[in-house]
Every structure is written in C-alpha cells, then in structure tokens.
Amino acid sequence: DLIQQAAYELIPVVEQPWYHKMLGGVLVAQSRLDDTILFVAADQVNRAGIQTITDSKERILFAGLNLKAASKSMEQSEYDSALTYLNSGLLFLTCIPDHWGREYELSLNLFHKSAQVQYI
C-alpha cells in the first residue's frame, strides 16, 4: 500500500482524474464485470469526476455503471455505499440535457433507487 501511495503521489494532481477515467474505462470495456471489478470501475470513474467526463455517451455509460454498483450494494445491505453510487450516477446523468427524454429507464431507475435507499 505504501508503494502504491508513493507511486500515485508521483502523478501530478491535475493528471490524476485522467488516469482514473482511463482505468475505469478500461475496466468497463471488459465484457464481464464481476462484483469486485464492478465496484473498482465505478470508484475509478467517480474519482475522475464529472468535469473530466464530458462526452454524453460516457456519462450515460458511467451513470449505468453506478446504478449497477448501487444495486449490488443494496443486495449486500450496504446502503451508504449504494447511496454514494446513486448520487454519482445521478450527477453523471443530470449533466445531460433532456436526460428524461433520452434515457428514461436509466433516469427512472436512478431516482427510484435513490428514493428507496434514502427511505431506508
């Protein structure tokens, strides 16, 4: 862990979000995401931040990724983690103009699950 931290600190702060986006994108591109990789991929794109991800298709993809991670977290009764993933997914999604018209199912699922988790 100390070696990883030291190597990470060698990356200039302004470049770190780009590396998180790149790593998350590579993980998402895998045809099968097991639970561990799903969470790591979602964490990486979330660390990249919304300002790094400007393409609407990527934002939709990463919103869906966060929805999957949230659903898995809810299955494991990890509601705090689920809410974090849902909030990130909503952040990616709501930056897209007319997301309700373009991505109705995704919008509905993110908002619905967010309401469920907040109720619990």
Protein backbone atom coordinates (compact mmCIF):
# COMPACT_ATOMS: atom_id res chain seq x y z
CA ASP A 1 0.00 0.00 0.00
CA LEU A 2 2.80 2.44 0.80
CA ILE A 3 4.47 1.73 -2.53
CA GLN A 4 1.19 2.28 -4.37
CA GLN A 5 0.60 5.52 -2.48
CA ALA A 6 4.12 6.74 -3.24
CA ALA A 7 3.71 5.93 -6.94
CA TYR A 8 0.31 7.64 -7.01
CA GLU A 9 1.77 10.78 -5.45
CA LEU A 10 4.28 10.97 -8.31
CA ILE A 11 1.41 11.64 -10.72
CA PRO A 12 0.73 15.38 -10.97
CA VAL A 13 -2.56 16.27 -9.26
CA VAL A 14 -4.01 17.76 -12.45
CA GLU A 15 -3.42 14.46 -14.30
CA GLN A 16 -4.87 12.14 -11.66
CA PRO A 17 -8.51 12.45 -12.81
CA TRP A 18 -7.49 11.49 -16.34
CA TYR A 19 -5.80 8.32 -15.05
CA HIS A 20 -8.89 7.42 -13.02
CA LYS A 21 -11.07 7.89 -16.10
CA MET A 22 -8.73 5.81 -18.25
CA LEU A 23 -8.54 2.97 -15.71
CA GLY A 24 -12.29 2.98 -15.14
CA GLY A 25 -12.92 2.97 -18.88
CA VAL A 26 -10.59 0.01 -19.41
CA LEU A 27 -12.35 -1.94 -16.65
CA VAL A 28 -15.81 -1.11 -18.05
CA ALA A 29 -14.72 -2.25 -21.52
CA GLN A 30 -14.28 -5.80 -20.21
CA SER A 31 -17.11 -7.96 -21.42
CA ARG A 32 -17.85 -9.36 -17.96
CA LEU A 33 -17.66 -7.31 -14.81
CA ASP A 34 -17.65 -9.42 -11.68
CA ASP A 35 -18.68 -7.72 -8.45
CA THR A 36 -15.16 -6.71 -7.44
CA ILE A 37 -14.31 -5.20 -10.82
CA LEU A 38 -17.72 -3.51 -10.97
CA PHE A 39 -17.03 -1.64 -7.74
CA VAL A 40 -13.45 -0.78 -8.70
CA ALA A 41 -14.56 0.51 -12.11
CA ALA A 42 -17.31 2.64 -10.58
CA ASP A 43 -14.93 4.01 -7.95
CA GLN A 44 -12.38 4.93 -10.61
CA VAL A 45 -14.81 6.82 -12.86
CA ASN A 46 -16.28 8.56 -9.84
CA ARG A 47 -12.80 9.66 -8.73
CA ALA A 48 -12.24 11.03 -12.24
CA GLY A 49 -15.12 13.43 -11.62
CA ILE A 50 -17.81 14.87 -13.82
CA GLN A 51 -15.54 17.63 -15.15
CA THR A 52 -13.25 15.02 -16.72
CA ILE A 53 -16.06 13.14 -18.44
CA THR A 54 -17.63 15.46 -20.98
CA ASP A 55 -18.98 13.01 -23.58
CA SER A 56 -22.71 12.32 -23.15
CA LYS A 57 -22.32 8.65 -24.15
CA GLU A 58 -19.66 8.15 -21.49
CA ARG A 59 -21.79 9.94 -18.90
CA ILE A 60 -24.70 7.62 -19.71
CA LEU A 61 -22.41 4.59 -19.55
CA PHE A 62 -20.97 5.66 -16.21
CA ALA A 63 -24.41 6.53 -14.80
CA GLY A 64 -25.48 2.98 -15.67
CA LEU A 65 -22.32 1.59 -14.11
CA ASN A 66 -23.10 3.42 -10.88
CA LEU A 67 -26.66 2.08 -10.97
CA LYS A 68 -25.31 -1.49 -11.22
CA ALA A 69 -22.87 -0.86 -8.37
CA ALA A 70 -25.66 0.64 -6.26
CA SER A 71 -27.93 -2.33 -6.95
CA LYS A 72 -25.20 -4.76 -5.89
CA SER A 73 -24.56 -2.68 -2.76
CA MET A 74 -28.25 -2.76 -1.92
CA GLU A 75 -28.30 -6.56 -2.32
CA GLN A 76 -25.49 -6.70 0.24
CA SER A 77 -27.32 -4.26 2.57
CA GLU A 78 -24.56 -1.66 2.07
CA TYR A 79 -26.94 1.28 1.85
CA ASP A 80 -24.37 4.02 2.47
CA SER A 81 -22.29 2.75 -0.44
CA ALA A 82 -25.42 2.37 -2.57
CA LEU A 83 -26.37 5.98 -1.93
CA THR A 84 -22.87 7.13 -2.88
CA TYR A 85 -23.07 5.24 -6.18
CA LEU A 86 -26.59 6.52 -6.84
CA ASN A 87 -25.55 10.12 -6.19
CA SER A 88 -22.62 9.73 -8.57
CA GLY A 89 -24.86 8.15 -11.20
CA LEU A 90 -27.34 11.00 -10.84
CA LEU A 91 -24.54 13.52 -11.18
CA PHE A 92 -23.39 11.97 -14.46
CA LEU A 93 -26.96 11.70 -15.72
CA THR A 94 -28.30 15.12 -14.79
CA CYS A 95 -25.48 16.83 -16.70
CA ILE A 96 -27.07 15.52 -19.89
CA PRO A 97 -29.69 17.84 -21.37
CA ASP A 98 -33.13 16.18 -21.53
CA HIS A 99 -31.93 13.03 -19.78
CA TRP A 100 -35.55 12.09 -19.04
CA GLY A 101 -36.34 12.07 -22.74
CA ARG A 102 -33.11 10.45 -23.87
CA GLU A 103 -32.57 7.95 -21.05
CA TYR A 104 -35.96 7.48 -19.41
CA GLU A 105 -35.37 3.99 -17.93
CA LEU A 106 -31.97 4.91 -16.55
CA SER A 107 -33.30 8.17 -15.10
CA LEU A 108 -36.28 6.45 -13.53
CA ASN A 109 -34.19 3.66 -12.02
CA LEU A 110 -31.57 6.00 -10.56
CA PHE A 111 -34.15 8.31 -8.99
CA HIS A 112 -36.32 5.41 -7.78
CA LYS A 113 -33.45 3.53 -6.13
CA SER A 114 -32.15 6.76 -4.63
CA ALA A 115 -35.54 7.37 -3.02
CA GLN A 116 -35.62 3.77 -1.75
CA VAL A 117 -32.17 4.00 -0.16
CA GLN A 118 -32.88 7.35 1.42
CA TYR A 119 -36.11 5.96 2.90
CA ILE A 120 -34.24 3.03 4.46
